[in-house]
């Protein structure tokens, strides 16, 4: 187990993306709608998906993800931990509901516009990625600019991202 944990941390260090500098954590809090993502088994097929972020008194971030999947409201509760207070755009996430023991997922804010109206959360090996917005839609030109940046600057395959339907 110790070897696995060590390898996991080495992997994340070696393959981490450059993240947003000077992120204002208080301004970042609130609701972020999932506009597009690289589908994963948990979120694939979900609609009206969003995250609510709350800064706790102890400095952790409470995260509540909600989506409608298979006609039912689904909720996942997580807790975020800023890895380095000098770089508050790099977190680790642990799952609370459902509880996943011993696992902390990397969370990297790799794109954030100046107005905090859209952002991208990346994953070190590009298997996951989320394009998020304060609104349920993003202008198509901005969306295409984000995809191009993800492709050119971060090595993502822009064709892997799928839009999330927001109709509620």
N, C-alpha and C. Protein backbone atom coordinates (compact mmCIF):
# COMPACT_ATOMS: atom_id res chain seq x y z
N UNK A 1 0.82 -1.19 0.00
CA UNK A 1 0.00 0.00 0.00
C UNK A 1 0.87 1.27 0.00
N UNK A 2 1.94 1.29 0.79
CA UNK A 2 2.81 2.46 0.85
C UNK A 2 3.46 2.73 -0.51
N UNK A 3 3.84 1.67 -1.22
CA UNK A 3 4.45 1.82 -2.53
C UNK A 3 3.42 2.43 -3.50
N UNK A 4 2.18 1.95 -3.45
CA UNK A 4 1.12 2.49 -4.30
C UNK A 4 0.92 3.97 -4.04
N UNK A 5 0.85 4.35 -2.79
CA UNK A 5 0.65 5.76 -2.43
C UNK A 5 1.81 6.61 -2.92
N UNK A 6 3.03 6.13 -2.74
CA UNK A 6 4.20 6.86 -3.21
C UNK A 6 4.18 7.02 -4.73
N UNK A 7 3.87 5.95 -5.45
CA UNK A 7 3.80 6.02 -6.91
C UNK A 7 2.70 6.98 -7.37
N UNK A 8 1.57 6.99 -6.68
CA UNK A 8 0.47 7.89 -7.00
C UNK A 8 0.93 9.35 -6.88
N UNK A 9 1.62 9.69 -5.81
CA UNK A 9 2.08 11.06 -5.62
C UNK A 9 3.15 11.45 -6.64
N UNK A 10 4.05 10.53 -6.95
CA UNK A 10 5.08 10.80 -7.96
C UNK A 10 4.42 11.04 -9.32
N UNK A 11 3.45 10.21 -9.67
CA UNK A 11 2.73 10.38 -10.93
C UNK A 11 2.10 11.75 -11.02
N UNK A 12 1.41 12.16 -9.96
CA UNK A 12 0.73 13.46 -9.98
C UNK A 12 1.71 14.61 -10.07
N UNK A 13 2.85 14.49 -9.45
CA UNK A 13 3.86 15.55 -9.53
C UNK A 13 4.43 15.63 -10.94
N UNK A 14 4.75 14.49 -11.54
CA UNK A 14 5.36 14.46 -12.86
C UNK A 14 4.41 14.93 -13.97
N UNK A 15 3.15 14.63 -13.84
CA UNK A 15 2.21 14.89 -14.93
C UNK A 15 1.23 16.02 -14.65
N UNK A 16 1.43 16.76 -13.60
CA UNK A 16 0.53 17.88 -13.29
C UNK A 16 0.64 18.96 -14.34
N UNK A 17 -0.46 19.64 -14.55
CA UNK A 17 -0.50 20.77 -15.48
C UNK A 17 -0.04 22.04 -14.77
N UNK A 18 0.39 23.04 -15.54
CA UNK A 18 0.52 24.36 -14.94
C UNK A 18 -0.89 24.83 -14.58
N UNK A 19 -1.02 25.44 -13.45
CA UNK A 19 -2.35 25.87 -13.00
C UNK A 19 -2.43 27.39 -12.97
N UNK A 20 -3.65 27.88 -12.80
CA UNK A 20 -3.92 29.31 -12.75
C UNK A 20 -3.20 29.91 -11.54
N UNK A 21 -2.52 31.01 -11.76
CA UNK A 21 -1.87 31.72 -10.67
C UNK A 21 -2.81 32.80 -10.14
N UNK A 22 -2.66 33.14 -8.89
CA UNK A 22 -3.42 34.22 -8.25
C UNK A 22 -4.92 33.96 -8.21
N UNK A 23 -5.33 32.72 -8.07
CA UNK A 23 -6.74 32.42 -7.93
C UNK A 23 -7.23 32.97 -6.59
N UNK A 24 -8.33 33.71 -6.62
CA UNK A 24 -8.95 34.23 -5.41
C UNK A 24 -9.97 33.18 -4.96
N UNK A 25 -9.61 32.45 -3.93
CA UNK A 25 -10.42 31.30 -3.51
C UNK A 25 -11.83 31.71 -3.09
N UNK A 26 -11.98 32.86 -2.44
CA UNK A 26 -13.32 33.30 -2.02
C UNK A 26 -14.19 33.60 -3.24
N UNK A 27 -13.61 34.28 -4.22
CA UNK A 27 -14.35 34.61 -5.44
C UNK A 27 -14.70 33.36 -6.25
N UNK A 28 -13.87 32.35 -6.15
CA UNK A 28 -14.06 31.10 -6.87
C UNK A 28 -15.25 30.30 -6.34
N UNK A 29 -15.59 30.48 -5.08
CA UNK A 29 -16.66 29.72 -4.45
C UNK A 29 -18.00 30.03 -5.11
N UNK A 30 -18.95 29.12 -4.92
CA UNK A 30 -20.29 29.31 -5.48
C UNK A 30 -20.62 28.18 -6.45
N UNK A 31 -21.61 28.45 -7.28
CA UNK A 31 -22.08 27.43 -8.22
C UNK A 31 -21.34 27.53 -9.55
N UNK A 32 -20.92 26.35 -10.04
CA UNK A 32 -20.31 26.20 -11.36
C UNK A 32 -21.06 25.10 -12.09
N UNK A 33 -21.64 25.45 -13.25
CA UNK A 33 -22.34 24.46 -14.07
C UNK A 33 -21.33 23.71 -14.93
N UNK A 34 -21.51 22.40 -15.03
CA UNK A 34 -20.66 21.59 -15.90
C UNK A 34 -21.19 21.79 -17.32
N UNK A 35 -20.41 22.50 -18.13
CA UNK A 35 -20.82 22.78 -19.51
C UNK A 35 -20.40 21.65 -20.45
N UNK A 36 -19.19 21.15 -20.25
CA UNK A 36 -18.69 20.03 -21.06
C UNK A 36 -17.68 19.26 -20.23
N UNK A 37 -17.49 17.98 -20.57
CA UNK A 37 -16.56 17.15 -19.84
C UNK A 37 -16.11 15.98 -20.70
N UNK A 38 -15.01 15.38 -20.28
CA UNK A 38 -14.63 14.09 -20.84
C UNK A 38 -15.44 13.08 -20.04
N UNK A 39 -16.34 12.37 -20.70
CA UNK A 39 -17.25 11.48 -19.96
C UNK A 39 -16.52 10.44 -19.12
N UNK A 40 -17.07 10.20 -17.96
CA UNK A 40 -16.57 9.17 -17.05
C UNK A 40 -17.79 8.41 -16.55
N UNK A 41 -17.57 7.26 -15.98
CA UNK A 41 -18.69 6.39 -15.61
C UNK A 41 -19.66 7.01 -14.62
N UNK A 42 -19.21 7.95 -13.82
CA UNK A 42 -20.10 8.57 -12.84
C UNK A 42 -20.98 9.62 -13.49
N UNK A 43 -20.39 10.45 -14.35
CA UNK A 43 -21.09 11.62 -14.88
C UNK A 43 -21.70 11.41 -16.26
N UNK A 44 -21.26 10.39 -16.98
CA UNK A 44 -21.74 10.18 -18.34
C UNK A 44 -23.26 10.04 -18.37
N UNK A 45 -23.90 10.77 -19.26
CA UNK A 45 -25.34 10.72 -19.39
C UNK A 45 -26.09 11.62 -18.43
N UNK A 46 -25.37 12.32 -17.57
CA UNK A 46 -26.01 13.23 -16.62
C UNK A 46 -26.42 14.52 -17.31
N UNK A 47 -27.50 15.11 -16.83
CA UNK A 47 -27.96 16.40 -17.34
C UNK A 47 -28.09 17.38 -16.18
N UNK A 48 -28.10 18.66 -16.52
CA UNK A 48 -28.29 19.72 -15.52
C UNK A 48 -27.27 19.60 -14.38
N UNK A 49 -26.03 19.29 -14.73
CA UNK A 49 -24.98 19.01 -13.75
C UNK A 49 -24.31 20.29 -13.27
N UNK A 50 -24.01 20.32 -11.97
CA UNK A 50 -23.29 21.47 -11.41
C UNK A 50 -22.59 21.08 -10.12
N UNK A 51 -21.62 21.91 -9.76
CA UNK A 51 -20.92 21.82 -8.47
C UNK A 51 -21.21 23.08 -7.68
N UNK A 52 -21.44 22.91 -6.39
CA UNK A 52 -21.48 24.04 -5.46
C UNK A 52 -20.26 23.94 -4.57
N UNK A 53 -19.47 25.03 -4.50
CA UNK A 53 -18.26 25.08 -3.70
C UNK A 53 -18.49 26.03 -2.52
N UNK A 54 -18.10 25.57 -1.33
CA UNK A 54 -18.22 26.38 -0.11
C UNK A 54 -16.89 26.32 0.63
N UNK A 55 -16.35 27.49 0.95
CA UNK A 55 -15.11 27.55 1.72
C UNK A 55 -15.45 27.39 3.20
N UNK A 56 -14.93 26.34 3.80
CA UNK A 56 -15.19 26.07 5.22
C UNK A 56 -14.23 26.88 6.10
N UNK A 57 -14.61 27.04 7.36
CA UNK A 57 -13.78 27.80 8.30
C UNK A 57 -12.39 27.23 8.47
N UNK A 58 -12.24 25.91 8.31
CA UNK A 58 -10.93 25.27 8.46
C UNK A 58 -10.08 25.33 7.19
N UNK A 59 -10.59 26.02 6.14
CA UNK A 59 -9.84 26.16 4.90
C UNK A 59 -10.12 25.08 3.87
N UNK A 60 -10.85 24.05 4.25
CA UNK A 60 -11.23 23.03 3.27
C UNK A 60 -12.38 23.56 2.43
N UNK A 61 -12.64 22.89 1.32
CA UNK A 61 -13.71 23.30 0.43
C UNK A 61 -14.75 22.19 0.39
N UNK A 62 -15.98 22.54 0.76
CA UNK A 62 -17.09 21.59 0.64
C UNK A 62 -17.60 21.64 -0.79
N UNK A 63 -17.74 20.48 -1.40
CA UNK A 63 -18.18 20.39 -2.79
C UNK A 63 -19.39 19.47 -2.87
N UNK A 64 -20.45 19.98 -3.47
CA UNK A 64 -21.63 19.16 -3.72
C UNK A 64 -21.89 19.14 -5.21
N UNK A 65 -21.79 17.95 -5.80
CA UNK A 65 -22.06 17.76 -7.22
C UNK A 65 -23.47 17.22 -7.35
N UNK A 66 -24.26 17.80 -8.26
CA UNK A 66 -25.61 17.30 -8.52
C UNK A 66 -25.80 17.14 -10.01
N UNK A 67 -26.54 16.11 -10.37
CA UNK A 67 -26.88 15.84 -11.76
C UNK A 67 -28.17 15.04 -11.79
N UNK A 68 -28.80 15.00 -12.93
CA UNK A 68 -29.94 14.12 -13.13
C UNK A 68 -29.46 13.02 -14.07
N UNK A 69 -29.54 11.79 -13.59
CA UNK A 69 -29.08 10.64 -14.38
C UNK A 69 -30.11 9.53 -14.25
N UNK A 70 -30.47 8.97 -15.39
CA UNK A 70 -31.48 7.91 -15.42
C UNK A 70 -32.78 8.37 -14.75
N UNK A 71 -33.11 9.66 -14.94
CA UNK A 71 -34.35 10.21 -14.41
C UNK A 71 -34.34 10.52 -12.92
N UNK A 72 -33.19 10.34 -12.25
CA UNK A 72 -33.11 10.57 -10.80
C UNK A 72 -32.04 11.60 -10.48
N UNK A 73 -32.32 12.39 -9.46
CA UNK A 73 -31.32 13.34 -8.97
C UNK A 73 -30.21 12.56 -8.26
N UNK A 74 -28.98 12.81 -8.64
CA UNK A 74 -27.81 12.17 -8.03
C UNK A 74 -26.97 13.25 -7.35
N UNK A 75 -26.42 12.91 -6.21
CA UNK A 75 -25.59 13.85 -5.45
C UNK A 75 -24.31 13.14 -5.02
N UNK A 76 -23.20 13.84 -5.21
CA UNK A 76 -21.92 13.35 -4.71
C UNK A 76 -21.33 14.46 -3.85
N UNK A 77 -20.99 14.12 -2.63
CA UNK A 77 -20.35 15.08 -1.72
C UNK A 77 -18.86 14.80 -1.67
N UNK A 78 -18.09 15.90 -1.72
CA UNK A 78 -16.64 15.79 -1.71
C UNK A 78 -16.07 16.87 -0.79
N UNK A 79 -14.82 16.72 -0.47
CA UNK A 79 -14.12 17.74 0.30
C UNK A 79 -12.80 18.02 -0.39
N UNK A 80 -12.54 19.30 -0.65
CA UNK A 80 -11.31 19.72 -1.30
C UNK A 80 -10.32 20.26 -0.29
N UNK A 81 -9.05 20.03 -0.59
CA UNK A 81 -7.95 20.51 0.25
C UNK A 81 -6.96 21.23 -0.66
N UNK A 82 -6.70 22.50 -0.40
CA UNK A 82 -5.70 23.23 -1.17
C UNK A 82 -4.35 22.62 -0.84
N UNK A 83 -3.61 22.21 -1.85
CA UNK A 83 -2.33 21.53 -1.67
C UNK A 83 -1.26 22.50 -1.17
N UNK A 84 -1.26 23.73 -1.70
CA UNK A 84 -0.26 24.73 -1.36
C UNK A 84 -0.96 26.08 -1.30
N UNK A 85 -0.98 26.71 -0.14
CA UNK A 85 -1.69 27.98 0.01
C UNK A 85 -1.17 29.07 -0.92
N UNK A 86 0.07 28.94 -1.39
CA UNK A 86 0.61 29.90 -2.34
C UNK A 86 0.05 29.67 -3.75
N UNK A 87 -0.56 28.52 -3.96
CA UNK A 87 -1.11 28.16 -5.27
C UNK A 87 -2.50 27.52 -5.05
N UNK A 88 -3.51 28.34 -4.72
CA UNK A 88 -4.83 27.79 -4.35
C UNK A 88 -5.63 27.21 -5.52
N UNK A 89 -5.02 27.09 -6.68
CA UNK A 89 -5.71 26.48 -7.82
C UNK A 89 -5.37 25.00 -7.97
N UNK A 90 -4.60 24.45 -7.06
CA UNK A 90 -4.28 23.01 -7.07
C UNK A 90 -4.81 22.40 -5.77
N UNK A 91 -5.75 21.47 -5.93
CA UNK A 91 -6.40 20.84 -4.79
C UNK A 91 -6.23 19.32 -4.86
N UNK A 92 -6.60 18.71 -3.75
CA UNK A 92 -6.87 17.28 -3.71
C UNK A 92 -8.32 17.15 -3.24
N UNK A 93 -9.00 16.17 -3.80
CA UNK A 93 -10.42 15.95 -3.48
C UNK A 93 -10.58 14.56 -2.88
N UNK A 94 -11.33 14.50 -1.80
CA UNK A 94 -11.71 13.17 -1.30
C UNK A 94 -13.23 13.07 -1.35
N UNK A 95 -13.69 11.87 -1.61
CA UNK A 95 -15.12 11.63 -1.76
C UNK A 95 -15.72 11.27 -0.40
N UNK A 96 -16.79 11.96 -0.05
CA UNK A 96 -17.44 11.74 1.24
C UNK A 96 -18.69 10.88 1.05
N UNK A 97 -19.50 11.20 0.05
CA UNK A 97 -20.70 10.42 -0.26
C UNK A 97 -20.76 10.25 -1.76
N UNK A 98 -20.51 9.11 -2.32
CA UNK A 98 -20.12 7.89 -1.63
C UNK A 98 -18.68 7.97 -1.13
N UNK A 99 -18.41 7.35 -0.03
CA UNK A 99 -17.10 7.39 0.58
C UNK A 99 -16.16 6.44 -0.14
N UNK A 100 -15.02 6.96 -0.55
CA UNK A 100 -14.01 6.15 -1.22
C UNK A 100 -12.74 6.23 -0.35
N UNK A 101 -12.44 5.20 0.42
CA UNK A 101 -11.31 5.27 1.35
C UNK A 101 -9.97 5.35 0.63
N UNK A 102 -9.05 6.06 1.23
CA UNK A 102 -7.64 6.14 0.81
C UNK A 102 -7.43 6.81 -0.55
N UNK A 103 -8.46 7.37 -1.17
CA UNK A 103 -8.27 7.95 -2.49
C UNK A 103 -8.49 9.46 -2.43
N UNK A 104 -7.54 10.19 -2.97
CA UNK A 104 -7.68 11.63 -3.14
C UNK A 104 -7.40 11.93 -4.60
N UNK A 105 -8.34 12.58 -5.24
CA UNK A 105 -8.22 12.90 -6.65
C UNK A 105 -7.57 14.27 -6.82
N UNK A 106 -6.70 14.42 -7.82
CA UNK A 106 -6.13 15.73 -8.10
C UNK A 106 -7.18 16.64 -8.74
N UNK A 107 -7.10 17.90 -8.45
CA UNK A 107 -8.02 18.91 -8.98
C UNK A 107 -7.16 20.11 -9.35
N UNK A 108 -7.12 20.43 -10.65
CA UNK A 108 -6.26 21.49 -11.14
C UNK A 108 -7.08 22.51 -11.92
N UNK A 109 -7.15 23.74 -11.43
CA UNK A 109 -7.80 24.80 -12.19
C UNK A 109 -6.76 25.30 -13.19
N UNK A 110 -6.95 24.91 -14.47
CA UNK A 110 -5.94 25.20 -15.47
C UNK A 110 -6.30 26.38 -16.37
N UNK A 111 -7.58 26.71 -16.43
CA UNK A 111 -8.04 27.90 -17.18
C UNK A 111 -9.10 28.58 -16.33
N UNK A 112 -9.00 29.90 -16.23
CA UNK A 112 -10.00 30.70 -15.50
C UNK A 112 -10.01 32.08 -16.12
N UNK A 113 -11.19 32.52 -16.57
CA UNK A 113 -11.21 33.84 -17.16
C UNK A 113 -11.19 34.91 -16.06
N UNK A 114 -10.83 36.11 -16.43
CA UNK A 114 -10.65 37.20 -15.46
C UNK A 114 -11.92 37.52 -14.68
N UNK A 115 -13.06 37.30 -15.28
CA UNK A 115 -14.34 37.61 -14.63
C UNK A 115 -14.88 36.45 -13.79
N UNK A 116 -14.14 35.33 -13.76
CA UNK A 116 -14.58 34.13 -13.05
C UNK A 116 -15.93 33.65 -13.57
N UNK A 117 -16.13 33.77 -14.90
CA UNK A 117 -17.39 33.33 -15.49
C UNK A 117 -17.27 31.94 -16.11
N UNK A 118 -16.05 31.50 -16.45
CA UNK A 118 -15.84 30.14 -16.89
C UNK A 118 -14.47 29.67 -16.43
N UNK A 119 -14.31 28.36 -16.36
CA UNK A 119 -13.03 27.78 -15.93
C UNK A 119 -12.94 26.35 -16.42
N UNK A 120 -11.73 25.81 -16.33
CA UNK A 120 -11.51 24.42 -16.69
C UNK A 120 -10.75 23.74 -15.56
N UNK A 121 -11.24 22.58 -15.18
CA UNK A 121 -10.55 21.73 -14.22
C UNK A 121 -9.90 20.60 -15.01
N UNK A 122 -8.60 20.44 -14.82
CA UNK A 122 -7.86 19.40 -15.51
C UNK A 122 -7.46 18.28 -14.59
N UNK A 123 -6.94 17.23 -15.20
CA UNK A 123 -6.44 16.06 -14.48
C UNK A 123 -5.06 15.76 -15.05
N UNK A 124 -4.09 15.37 -14.22
CA UNK A 124 -2.71 15.22 -14.68
C UNK A 124 -2.50 14.40 -15.95
N UNK A 125 -3.24 13.32 -16.15
CA UNK A 125 -3.00 12.50 -17.35
C UNK A 125 -4.03 12.74 -18.45
N UNK A 126 -4.84 13.77 -18.30
CA UNK A 126 -5.84 14.17 -19.31
C UNK A 126 -6.96 13.16 -19.52
N UNK A 127 -7.11 12.21 -18.61
CA UNK A 127 -8.22 11.27 -18.74
C UNK A 127 -9.54 11.90 -18.31
N UNK A 128 -9.45 12.97 -17.54
CA UNK A 128 -10.63 13.69 -17.09
C UNK A 128 -10.44 15.16 -17.39
N UNK A 129 -11.54 15.86 -17.56
CA UNK A 129 -11.50 17.30 -17.76
C UNK A 129 -12.92 17.85 -17.73
N UNK A 130 -13.05 19.05 -17.18
CA UNK A 130 -14.36 19.67 -17.04
C UNK A 130 -14.26 21.14 -17.46
N UNK A 131 -15.15 21.55 -18.34
CA UNK A 131 -15.30 22.96 -18.70
C UNK A 131 -16.55 23.43 -17.97
N UNK A 132 -16.37 24.45 -17.14
CA UNK A 132 -17.47 24.87 -16.27
C UNK A 132 -17.73 26.37 -16.42
N UNK A 133 -18.96 26.74 -16.09
CA UNK A 133 -19.40 28.12 -16.27
C UNK A 133 -20.33 28.53 -15.14
N UNK A 134 -20.38 29.82 -14.88
CA UNK A 134 -21.34 30.33 -13.88
C UNK A 134 -22.76 30.27 -14.42
N UNK A 135 -22.90 30.20 -15.72
CA UNK A 135 -24.21 30.10 -16.38
C UNK A 135 -24.31 28.70 -17.01
N UNK A 136 -25.50 28.33 -17.45
CA UNK A 136 -25.68 27.01 -18.06
C UNK A 136 -25.23 26.98 -19.52
N UNK A 137 -24.76 28.10 -20.03
CA UNK A 137 -24.28 28.12 -21.41
C UNK A 137 -23.00 28.95 -21.50
N UNK A 138 -22.25 28.71 -22.58
CA UNK A 138 -21.05 29.47 -22.90
C UNK A 138 -21.15 29.84 -24.37
N UNK A 139 -20.80 31.06 -24.69
CA UNK A 139 -20.77 31.50 -26.07
C UNK A 139 -19.93 30.50 -26.89
N UNK A 140 -20.41 30.15 -28.06
CA UNK A 140 -19.76 29.12 -28.89
C UNK A 140 -18.33 29.51 -29.26
N UNK A 141 -18.07 30.80 -29.52
CA UNK A 141 -16.71 31.23 -29.84
C UNK A 141 -15.77 31.05 -28.64
N UNK A 142 -16.27 31.35 -27.46
CA UNK A 142 -15.46 31.16 -26.24
C UNK A 142 -15.21 29.67 -26.02
N UNK A 143 -16.24 28.86 -26.21
CA UNK A 143 -16.10 27.41 -26.03
C UNK A 143 -15.04 26.86 -26.99
N UNK A 144 -15.09 27.27 -28.24
CA UNK A 144 -14.09 26.80 -29.21
C UNK A 144 -12.69 27.28 -28.85
N UNK A 145 -12.58 28.50 -28.32
CA UNK A 145 -11.28 29.03 -27.86
C UNK A 145 -10.74 28.19 -26.70
N UNK A 146 -11.61 27.80 -25.77
CA UNK A 146 -11.22 26.96 -24.64
C UNK A 146 -10.72 25.61 -25.15
N UNK A 147 -11.48 24.99 -26.06
CA UNK A 147 -11.08 23.69 -26.61
C UNK A 147 -9.73 23.77 -27.31
N UNK A 148 -9.51 24.85 -28.06
CA UNK A 148 -8.24 25.02 -28.76
C UNK A 148 -7.09 25.16 -27.75
N UNK A 149 -7.31 25.95 -26.69
CA UNK A 149 -6.30 26.12 -25.65
C UNK A 149 -6.01 24.79 -24.95
N UNK A 150 -7.05 24.03 -24.65
CA UNK A 150 -6.86 22.73 -24.02
C UNK A 150 -6.03 21.81 -24.91
N UNK A 151 -6.28 21.87 -26.20
CA UNK A 151 -5.57 21.03 -27.16
C UNK A 151 -4.12 21.46 -27.31
N UNK A 152 -3.90 22.75 -27.51
CA UNK A 152 -2.55 23.25 -27.81
C UNK A 152 -1.67 23.41 -26.58
N UNK A 153 -2.24 23.88 -25.48
CA UNK A 153 -1.43 24.20 -24.30
C UNK A 153 -1.37 23.09 -23.26
N UNK A 154 -2.35 22.19 -23.27
CA UNK A 154 -2.41 21.17 -22.22
C UNK A 154 -2.40 19.74 -22.76
N UNK A 155 -2.42 19.58 -24.07
CA UNK A 155 -2.34 18.25 -24.66
C UNK A 155 -3.62 17.45 -24.64
N UNK A 156 -4.75 18.09 -24.35
CA UNK A 156 -6.03 17.40 -24.39
C UNK A 156 -6.46 17.17 -25.83
N UNK A 157 -7.22 16.11 -26.05
CA UNK A 157 -7.88 15.89 -27.33
C UNK A 157 -9.24 16.58 -27.22
N UNK A 158 -9.41 17.69 -27.93
CA UNK A 158 -10.64 18.48 -27.81
C UNK A 158 -11.87 17.69 -28.22
N UNK A 159 -11.71 16.67 -29.06
CA UNK A 159 -12.85 15.87 -29.51
C UNK A 159 -13.41 14.97 -28.42
N UNK A 160 -12.69 14.79 -27.34
CA UNK A 160 -13.17 13.94 -26.24
C UNK A 160 -14.21 14.65 -25.36
N UNK A 161 -14.23 15.99 -25.42
CA UNK A 161 -15.17 16.73 -24.58
C UNK A 161 -16.57 16.65 -25.17
N UNK A 162 -17.55 16.42 -24.29
CA UNK A 162 -18.96 16.38 -24.69
C UNK A 162 -19.73 17.38 -23.84
N UNK A 163 -20.61 18.12 -24.51
CA UNK A 163 -21.44 19.10 -23.80
C UNK A 163 -22.46 18.39 -22.93
N UNK A 164 -22.79 19.04 -21.81
CA UNK A 164 -23.80 18.55 -20.89
C UNK A 164 -25.10 19.30 -21.19
N UNK A 165 -26.19 18.57 -21.28
CA UNK A 165 -27.48 19.20 -21.53
C UNK A 165 -27.97 19.87 -20.26
N UNK A 166 -28.38 21.13 -20.41
CA UNK A 166 -29.02 21.89 -19.31
C UNK A 166 -30.38 22.33 -19.81
N UNK A 167 -31.40 21.70 -19.30
CA UNK A 167 -32.78 22.02 -19.73
C UNK A 167 -33.72 22.15 -18.56
N UNK A 168 -33.18 22.39 -17.40
CA UNK A 168 -34.02 22.45 -16.20
C UNK A 168 -33.94 23.81 -15.58
